[in-house]
Amino acid sequence: MLVAKGSSPNELMDEMQDALSDLGKDIETYSAQLTKLVEADNTYKETYATVYLTTKASGEKMTVTETDCTVVGKVSALKRAADIAEALMKSTREHMDWERKRIEVAQSILAFSRSELEHTPNADPIWNTRSGVT
């Protein structure tokens, strides 16, 4: 949820707190997904190499394309698992970027509000009421 126009400072602070909390959860998720991606990708590459060498060493006459097709057919499930792990990790990274934007928007609105308050004269300044000037 993006910050609504005219939000109060308390609502903006709550928004930033929620975004920070969500960002912390995303970082934990991202870490786990990154670990899973590295494991899945390594398993795929190791299995691909092993199957490729085993296929080549079998002595069966095959073209390079036939060998590649045979190997890809045997390791496709591992490749799919690695691709899915990568997509999930990228999705979480995108969500982390969105959370950072939520925080930046709330900070910008708070800074603008603070600036406006500093540059807006009071309707009835104390120096006017003490001197009797109206």
C-alpha atoms as a PDB file:
ATOM      1  CA  MET A   1       0.000   0.000   0.000  1.00  0.00           C
ATOM      2  CA  LEU A   2       1.458   3.350  -0.999  1.00  0.00           C
ATOM      3  CA  VAL A   3       1.101   6.337   1.260  1.00  0.00           C
ATOM      4  CA  ALA A   4      -2.132   8.251   0.772  1.00  0.00           C
ATOM      5  CA  LYS A   5      -2.117  11.972   0.086  1.00  0.00           C
ATOM      6  CA  GLY A   6      -2.515  14.026   3.255  1.00  0.00           C
ATOM      7  CA  SER A   7      -1.374  11.321   5.673  1.00  0.00           C
ATOM      8  CA  SER A   8      -0.546  12.447   9.180  1.00  0.00           C
ATOM      9  CA  PRO A   9       3.029  12.184  10.494  1.00  0.00           C
ATOM     10  CA  ASN A  10       1.954   9.348  12.793  1.00  0.00           C
ATOM     11  CA  GLU A  11       0.465   7.436   9.862  1.00  0.00           C
ATOM     12  CA  LEU A  12       3.637   8.009   7.863  1.00  0.00           C
ATOM     13  CA  MET A  13       5.797   6.758  10.719  1.00  0.00           C
ATOM     14  CA  ASP A  14       3.561   3.676  11.008  1.00  0.00           C
ATOM     15  CA  GLU A  15       3.874   3.147   7.256  1.00  0.00           C
ATOM     16  CA  MET A  16       7.658   3.320   7.465  1.00  0.00           C
ATOM     17  CA  GLN A  17       7.686   0.938  10.437  1.00  0.00           C
ATOM     18  CA  ASP A  18       5.520  -1.556   8.542  1.00  0.00           C
ATOM     19  CA  ALA A  19       7.742  -1.260   5.482  1.00  0.00           C
ATOM     20  CA  LEU A  20      10.876  -1.796   7.573  1.00  0.00           C
ATOM     21  CA  SER A  21       9.329  -4.853   9.185  1.00  0.00           C
ATOM     22  CA  ASP A  22       8.312  -6.246   5.795  1.00  0.00           C
ATOM     23  CA  LEU A  23      11.773  -5.492   4.416  1.00  0.00           C
ATOM     24  CA  GLY A  24      13.367  -7.435   7.276  1.00  0.00           C
ATOM     25  CA  LYS A  25      11.174 -10.443   6.511  1.00  0.00           C
ATOM     26  CA  ASP A  26      12.019 -10.159   2.812  1.00  0.00           C
ATOM     27  CA  ILE A  27      15.740 -10.124   3.587  1.00  0.00           C
ATOM     28  CA  GLU A  28      15.403 -13.376   5.551  1.00  0.00           C
ATOM     29  CA  THR A  29      13.380 -14.925   2.720  1.00  0.00           C
ATOM     30  CA  TYR A  30      15.876 -13.677   0.129  1.00  0.00           C
ATOM     31  CA  SER A  31      18.762 -15.228   2.038  1.00  0.00           C
ATOM     32  CA  ALA A  32      17.050 -18.622   2.160  1.00  0.00           C
ATOM     33  CA  GLN A  33      16.072 -18.397  -1.513  1.00  0.00           C
ATOM     34  CA  LEU A  34      19.603 -17.442  -2.530  1.00  0.00           C
ATOM     35  CA  THR A  35      20.984 -20.469  -0.689  1.00  0.00           C
ATOM     36  CA  LYS A  36      18.407 -22.701  -2.379  1.00  0.00           C
ATOM     37  CA  LEU A  37      19.243 -21.228  -5.789  1.00  0.00           C
ATOM     38  CA  VAL A  38      22.972 -21.851  -5.366  1.00  0.00           C
ATOM     39  CA  GLU A  39      22.330 -25.441  -4.279  1.00  0.00           C
ATOM     40  CA  ALA A  40      19.874 -26.120  -7.122  1.00  0.00           C
ATOM     41  CA  ASP A  41      22.142 -24.535  -9.734  1.00  0.00           C
ATOM     42  CA  ASN A  42      25.189 -26.460  -8.509  1.00  0.00           C
ATOM     43  CA  THR A  43      23.244 -29.732  -8.484  1.00  0.00           C
ATOM     44  CA  TYR A  44      22.074 -29.074 -12.035  1.00  0.00           C
ATOM     45  CA  LYS A  45      25.559 -28.213 -13.326  1.00  0.00           C
ATOM     46  CA  GLU A  46      27.250 -31.147 -11.570  1.00  0.00           C
ATOM     47  CA  THR A  47      24.619 -33.597 -12.802  1.00  0.00           C
ATOM     48  CA  TYR A  48      24.764 -32.153 -16.329  1.00  0.00           C
ATOM     49  CA  ALA A  49      28.543 -32.611 -16.430  1.00  0.00           C
ATOM     50  CA  THR A  50      28.350 -36.144 -15.055  1.00  0.00           C
ATOM     51  CA  VAL A  51      25.594 -37.214 -17.459  1.00  0.00           C
ATOM     52  CA  TYR A  52      27.390 -35.568 -20.385  1.00  0.00           C
ATOM     53  CA  LEU A  53      30.644 -37.365 -19.646  1.00  0.00           C
ATOM     54  CA  THR A  54      28.839 -40.664 -19.051  1.00  0.00           C
ATOM     55  CA  THR A  55      26.976 -40.296 -22.348  1.00  0.00           C
ATOM     56  CA  LYS A  56      30.167 -39.460 -24.242  1.00  0.00           C
ATOM     57  CA  ALA A  57      32.029 -42.322 -22.585  1.00  0.00           C
ATOM     58  CA  SER A  58      29.314 -44.836 -23.441  1.00  0.00           C
ATOM     59  CA  GLY A  59      30.902 -45.312 -26.860  1.00  0.00           C
ATOM     60  CA  GLU A  60      27.581 -44.841 -28.618  1.00  0.00           C
ATOM     61  CA  LYS A  61      27.985 -42.881 -31.840  1.00  0.00           C
ATOM     62  CA  MET A  62      26.114 -39.585 -31.557  1.00  0.00           C
ATOM     63  CA  THR A  63      26.402 -36.136 -33.021  1.00  0.00           C
ATOM     64  CA  VAL A  64      27.050 -33.230 -30.670  1.00  0.00           C
ATOM     65  CA  THR A  65      23.395 -32.209 -30.983  1.00  0.00           C
ATOM     66  CA  GLU A  66      22.185 -35.730 -30.176  1.00  0.00           C
ATOM     67  CA  THR A  67      24.455 -35.866 -27.135  1.00  0.00           C
ATOM     68  CA  ASP A  68      23.185 -32.491 -25.920  1.00  0.00           C
ATOM     69  CA  CYS A  69      19.562 -33.545 -26.424  1.00  0.00           C
ATOM     70  CA  THR A  70      20.119 -36.776 -24.513  1.00  0.00           C
ATOM     71  CA  VAL A  71      21.789 -34.970 -21.617  1.00  0.00           C
ATOM     72  CA  VAL A  72      19.205 -32.174 -21.504  1.00  0.00           C
ATOM     73  CA  GLY A  73      16.424 -34.762 -21.433  1.00  0.00           C
ATOM     74  CA  LYS A  74      17.979 -36.424 -18.392  1.00  0.00           C
ATOM     75  CA  VAL A  75      18.627 -33.232 -16.384  1.00  0.00           C
ATOM     76  CA  SER A  76      15.648 -31.087 -17.383  1.00  0.00           C
ATOM     77  CA  ALA A  77      13.935 -31.448 -13.995  1.00  0.00           C
ATOM     78  CA  LEU A  78      17.048 -30.151 -12.235  1.00  0.00           C
ATOM     79  CA  LYS A  79      17.296 -27.232 -14.675  1.00  0.00           C
ATOM     80  CA  ARG A  80      13.632 -26.395 -14.056  1.00  0.00           C
ATOM     81  CA  ALA A  81      14.182 -26.449 -10.277  1.00  0.00           C
ATOM     82  CA  ALA A  82      17.152 -24.085 -10.629  1.00  0.00           C
ATOM     83  CA  ASP A  83      15.162 -21.743 -12.892  1.00  0.00           C
ATOM     84  CA  ILE A  84      12.246 -21.649 -10.445  1.00  0.00           C
ATOM     85  CA  ALA A  85      14.593 -20.946  -7.531  1.00  0.00           C
ATOM     86  CA  GLU A  86      16.107 -18.063  -9.501  1.00  0.00           C
ATOM     87  CA  ALA A  87      12.704 -16.623 -10.385  1.00  0.00           C
ATOM     88  CA  LEU A  88      11.564 -16.742  -6.757  1.00  0.00           C
ATOM     89  CA  MET A  89      14.739 -15.013  -5.616  1.00  0.00           C
ATOM     90  CA  LYS A  90      14.316 -12.276  -8.236  1.00  0.00           C
ATOM     91  CA  SER A  91      10.699 -11.799  -7.199  1.00  0.00           C
ATOM     92  CA  THR A  92      11.715 -11.311  -3.585  1.00  0.00           C
ATOM     93  CA  ARG A  93      14.421  -8.852  -4.633  1.00  0.00           C
ATOM     94  CA  GLU A  94      11.793  -6.849  -6.554  1.00  0.00           C
ATOM     95  CA  HIS A  95       9.552  -6.836  -3.485  1.00  0.00           C
ATOM     96  CA  MET A  96      12.484  -5.592  -1.390  1.00  0.00           C
ATOM     97  CA  ASP A  97      12.931  -2.709  -3.839  1.00  0.00           C
ATOM     98  CA  TRP A  98       9.236  -1.879  -3.505  1.00  0.00           C
ATOM     99  CA  GLU A  99       9.520  -1.843   0.291  1.00  0.00           C
ATOM    100  CA  ARG A 100      12.472   0.547   0.031  1.00  0.00           C
ATOM    101  CA  LYS A 101      10.351   2.814  -2.181  1.00  0.00           C
ATOM    102  CA  ARG A 102       7.580   2.810   0.445  1.00  0.00           C
ATOM    103  CA  ILE A 103      10.100   3.979   3.014  1.00  0.00           C
ATOM    104  CA  GLU A 104      11.501   6.648   0.684  1.00  0.00           C
ATOM    105  CA  VAL A 105       8.028   7.998  -0.128  1.00  0.00           C
ATOM    106  CA  ALA A 106       7.098   8.276   3.548  1.00  0.00           C
ATOM    107  CA  GLN A 107      10.436   9.944   4.350  1.00  0.00           C
ATOM    108  CA  SER A 108       9.982  12.424   1.501  1.00  0.00           C
ATOM    109  CA  ILE A 109       6.493  13.366   2.622  1.00  0.00           C
ATOM    110  CA  LEU A 110       7.655  13.779   6.227  1.00  0.00           C
ATOM    111  CA  ALA A 111      10.587  15.944   5.126  1.00  0.00           C
ATOM    112  CA  PHE A 112       8.283  18.083   2.998  1.00  0.00           C
ATOM    113  CA  SER A 113       5.819  18.462   5.871  1.00  0.00           C
ATOM    114  CA  ARG A 114       8.614  19.422   8.257  1.00  0.00           C
ATOM    115  CA  SER A 115       9.928  21.986   5.773  1.00  0.00           C
ATOM    116  CA  GLU A 116       6.472  23.463   5.316  1.00  0.00           C
ATOM    117  CA  LEU A 117       6.001  23.786   9.075  1.00  0.00           C
ATOM    118  CA  GLU A 118       9.362  25.526   9.460  1.00  0.00           C
ATOM    119  CA  HIS A 119       8.517  28.072   6.760  1.00  0.00           C
ATOM    120  CA  THR A 120       4.894  28.740   7.691  1.00  0.00           C
ATOM    121  CA  PRO A 121       4.510  31.667  10.102  1.00  0.00           C
ATOM    122  CA  ASN A 122       2.127  31.205  12.987  1.00  0.00           C
ATOM    123  CA  ALA A 123      -1.254  32.850  12.561  1.00  0.00           C
ATOM    124  CA  ASP A 124      -0.832  34.768  15.813  1.00  0.00           C
ATOM    125  CA  PRO A 125       2.875  35.103  16.639  1.00  0.00           C
ATOM    126  CA  ILE A 126       3.845  35.719  20.239  1.00  0.00           C
ATOM    127  CA  TRP A 127       5.769  38.918  19.431  1.00  0.00           C
ATOM    128  CA  ASN A 128       2.634  40.507  17.943  1.00  0.00           C
ATOM    129  CA  THR A 129       0.472  39.852  20.996  1.00  0.00           C
ATOM    130  CA  ARG A 130       3.071  41.098  23.505  1.00  0.00           C
ATOM    131  CA  SER A 131       3.741  44.396  21.787  1.00  0.00           C
ATOM    132  CA  GLY A 132       0.095  45.104  21.223  1.00  0.00           C
ATOM    133  CA  VAL A 133       0.564  45.221  17.455  1.00  0.00           C
ATOM    134  CA  THR A 134      -2.225  43.576  15.534  1.00  0.00           C
END
